C-alpha atoms as a PDB file:
ATOM      1  CA  MET A   1     273.747 136.225 219.921  1.00  0.00           C
ATOM      2  CA  ILE A   2     271.977 133.586 217.865  1.00  0.00           C
ATOM      3  CA  HIS A   3     272.252 130.019 219.167  1.00  0.00           C
ATOM      4  CA  PHE A   4     273.215 127.272 216.731  1.00  0.00           C
ATOM      5  CA  THR A   5     272.760 123.589 217.488  1.00  0.00           C
ATOM      6  CA  HIS A   6     275.674 121.159 217.456  1.00  0.00           C
ATOM      7  CA  ASP A   7     274.446 119.771 214.120  1.00  0.00           C
ATOM      8  CA  GLU A   8     274.103 123.243 212.596  1.00  0.00           C
ATOM      9  CA  ILE A   9     277.680 124.111 213.616  1.00  0.00           C
ATOM     10  CA  ASN A  10     278.969 120.887 212.048  1.00  0.00           C
ATOM     11  CA  LEU A  11     277.048 121.539 208.834  1.00  0.00           C
ATOM     12  CA  MET A  12     278.302 125.124 208.635  1.00  0.00           C
ATOM     13  CA  ALA A  13     281.887 124.011 209.344  1.00  0.00           C
ATOM     14  CA  ILE A  14     281.745 121.592 206.413  1.00  0.00           C
ATOM     15  CA  TYR A  15     280.477 124.235 203.967  1.00  0.00           C
ATOM     16  CA  ASN A  16     282.288 127.235 205.467  1.00  0.00           C
ATOM     17  CA  THR A  17     283.870 129.542 202.912  1.00  0.00           C
ATOM     18  CA  GLY A  18     285.173 132.067 205.426  1.00  0.00           C
ATOM     19  CA  THR A  19     282.361 134.574 204.969  1.00  0.00           C
ATOM     20  CA  ARG A  20     278.720 134.615 206.020  1.00  0.00           C
ATOM     21  CA  LYS A  21     277.616 135.450 202.476  1.00  0.00           C
ATOM     22  CA  GLY A  22     279.718 132.653 201.006  1.00  0.00           C
ATOM     23  CA  LEU A  23     278.396 130.135 203.503  1.00  0.00           C
ATOM     24  CA  LEU A  24     274.822 131.181 202.769  1.00  0.00           C
ATOM     25  CA  GLU A  25     275.460 130.677 199.057  1.00  0.00           C
ATOM     26  CA  GLU A  26     277.021 127.241 199.615  1.00  0.00           C
ATOM     27  CA  LEU A  27     274.227 126.050 201.907  1.00  0.00           C
ATOM     28  CA  THR A  28     271.567 127.341 199.523  1.00  0.00           C
ATOM     29  CA  GLU A  29     273.200 125.542 196.601  1.00  0.00           C
ATOM     30  CA  MET A  30     273.640 122.342 198.630  1.00  0.00           C
ATOM     31  CA  GLN A  31     269.996 122.489 199.702  1.00  0.00           C
ATOM     32  CA  SER A  32     268.913 122.374 196.060  1.00  0.00           C
ATOM     33  CA  TYR A  33     270.463 118.890 195.803  1.00  0.00           C
ATOM     34  CA  ILE A  34     268.718 117.429 198.874  1.00  0.00           C
ATOM     35  CA  SER A  35     266.220 114.738 197.959  1.00  0.00           C
ATOM     36  CA  ALA A  36     262.656 114.620 199.283  1.00  0.00           C
ATOM     37  CA  GLU A  37     263.628 111.671 201.489  1.00  0.00           C
ATOM     38  CA  GLU A  38     266.270 113.728 203.300  1.00  0.00           C
ATOM     39  CA  LYS A  39     263.761 115.692 205.363  1.00  0.00           C
ATOM     40  CA  ASP A  40     266.000 116.030 208.437  1.00  0.00           C
ATOM     41  CA  LEU A  41     268.915 117.416 206.413  1.00  0.00           C
ATOM     42  CA  ASN A  42     266.602 119.833 204.622  1.00  0.00           C
ATOM     43  CA  LYS A  43     265.172 121.035 207.932  1.00  0.00           C
ATOM     44  CA  LEU A  44     268.661 121.403 209.450  1.00  0.00           C
ATOM     45  CA  THR A  45     269.949 123.339 206.437  1.00  0.00           C
ATOM     46  CA  ALA A  46     266.904 125.625 206.349  1.00  0.00           C
ATOM     47  CA  SER A  47     267.326 126.395 210.044  1.00  0.00           C
ATOM     48  CA  ALA A  48     271.020 127.230 209.651  1.00  0.00           C
ATOM     49  CA  ILE A  49     270.303 129.438 206.628  1.00  0.00           C
ATOM     50  CA  ARG A  50     267.562 131.318 208.491  1.00  0.00           C
ATOM     51  CA  LYS A  51     269.831 131.967 211.471  1.00  0.00           C
ATOM     52  CA  LEU A  52     272.728 133.059 209.257  1.00  0.00           C
ATOM     53  CA  GLN A  53     270.424 135.506 207.453  1.00  0.00           C
ATOM     54  CA  GLU A  54     269.392 137.015 210.790  1.00  0.00           C
ATOM     55  CA  MET A  55     272.910 137.635 212.072  1.00  0.00           C
ATOM     56  CA  SER A  56     275.455 140.293 211.217  1.00  0.00           C
ATOM     57  CA  ASP A  57     278.818 139.713 209.573  1.00  0.00           C
ATOM     58  CA  ASP A  58     280.505 140.683 212.862  1.00  0.00           C
ATOM     59  CA  ASP A  59     278.510 138.058 214.774  1.00  0.00           C
ATOM     60  CA  TYR A  60     279.404 135.510 212.100  1.00  0.00           C
ATOM     61  CA  ALA A  61     283.105 136.363 212.415  1.00  0.00           C
ATOM     62  CA  ALA A  62     282.891 135.550 216.136  1.00  0.00           C
ATOM     63  CA  LEU A  63     281.629 132.000 215.479  1.00  0.00           C
ATOM     64  CA  ASP A  64     283.978 129.075 216.032  1.00  0.00           C
ATOM     65  CA  LEU A  65     283.106 126.913 213.036  1.00  0.00           C
ATOM     66  CA  VAL A  66     285.142 123.843 213.864  1.00  0.00           C
ATOM     67  CA  PRO A  67     283.362 120.523 213.409  1.00  0.00           C
ATOM     68  CA  GLU A  68     282.915 118.551 216.598  1.00  0.00           C
ATOM     69  CA  PHE A  69     282.752 114.984 215.373  1.00  0.00           C
ATOM     70  CA  ILE A  70     282.385 112.341 218.028  1.00  0.00           C
ATOM     71  CA  SER A  71     284.145 109.046 217.481  1.00  0.00           C
ATOM     72  CA  ASP A  72     282.839 105.788 218.961  1.00  0.00           C
ATOM     73  CA  GLU A  73     286.249 104.210 218.435  1.00  0.00           C
ATOM     74  CA  GLU A  74     287.932 105.862 221.407  1.00  0.00           C
END
């Protein structure tokens, strides 16, 4: 199984369409809007896309794509 970082999971949860192919399309489109100054976001998105391309649809279906946002207000 491919390991995704916490940040990759959050990114994929935000853009999740319900299918691996749809998520890849959304992330690829979103990446085209990232500015040159957003190097960390570009690197994160590229990493998630690469990992999604390497996995099967069945492995994707087993992912729990729920964002895990941490609040400092608690």
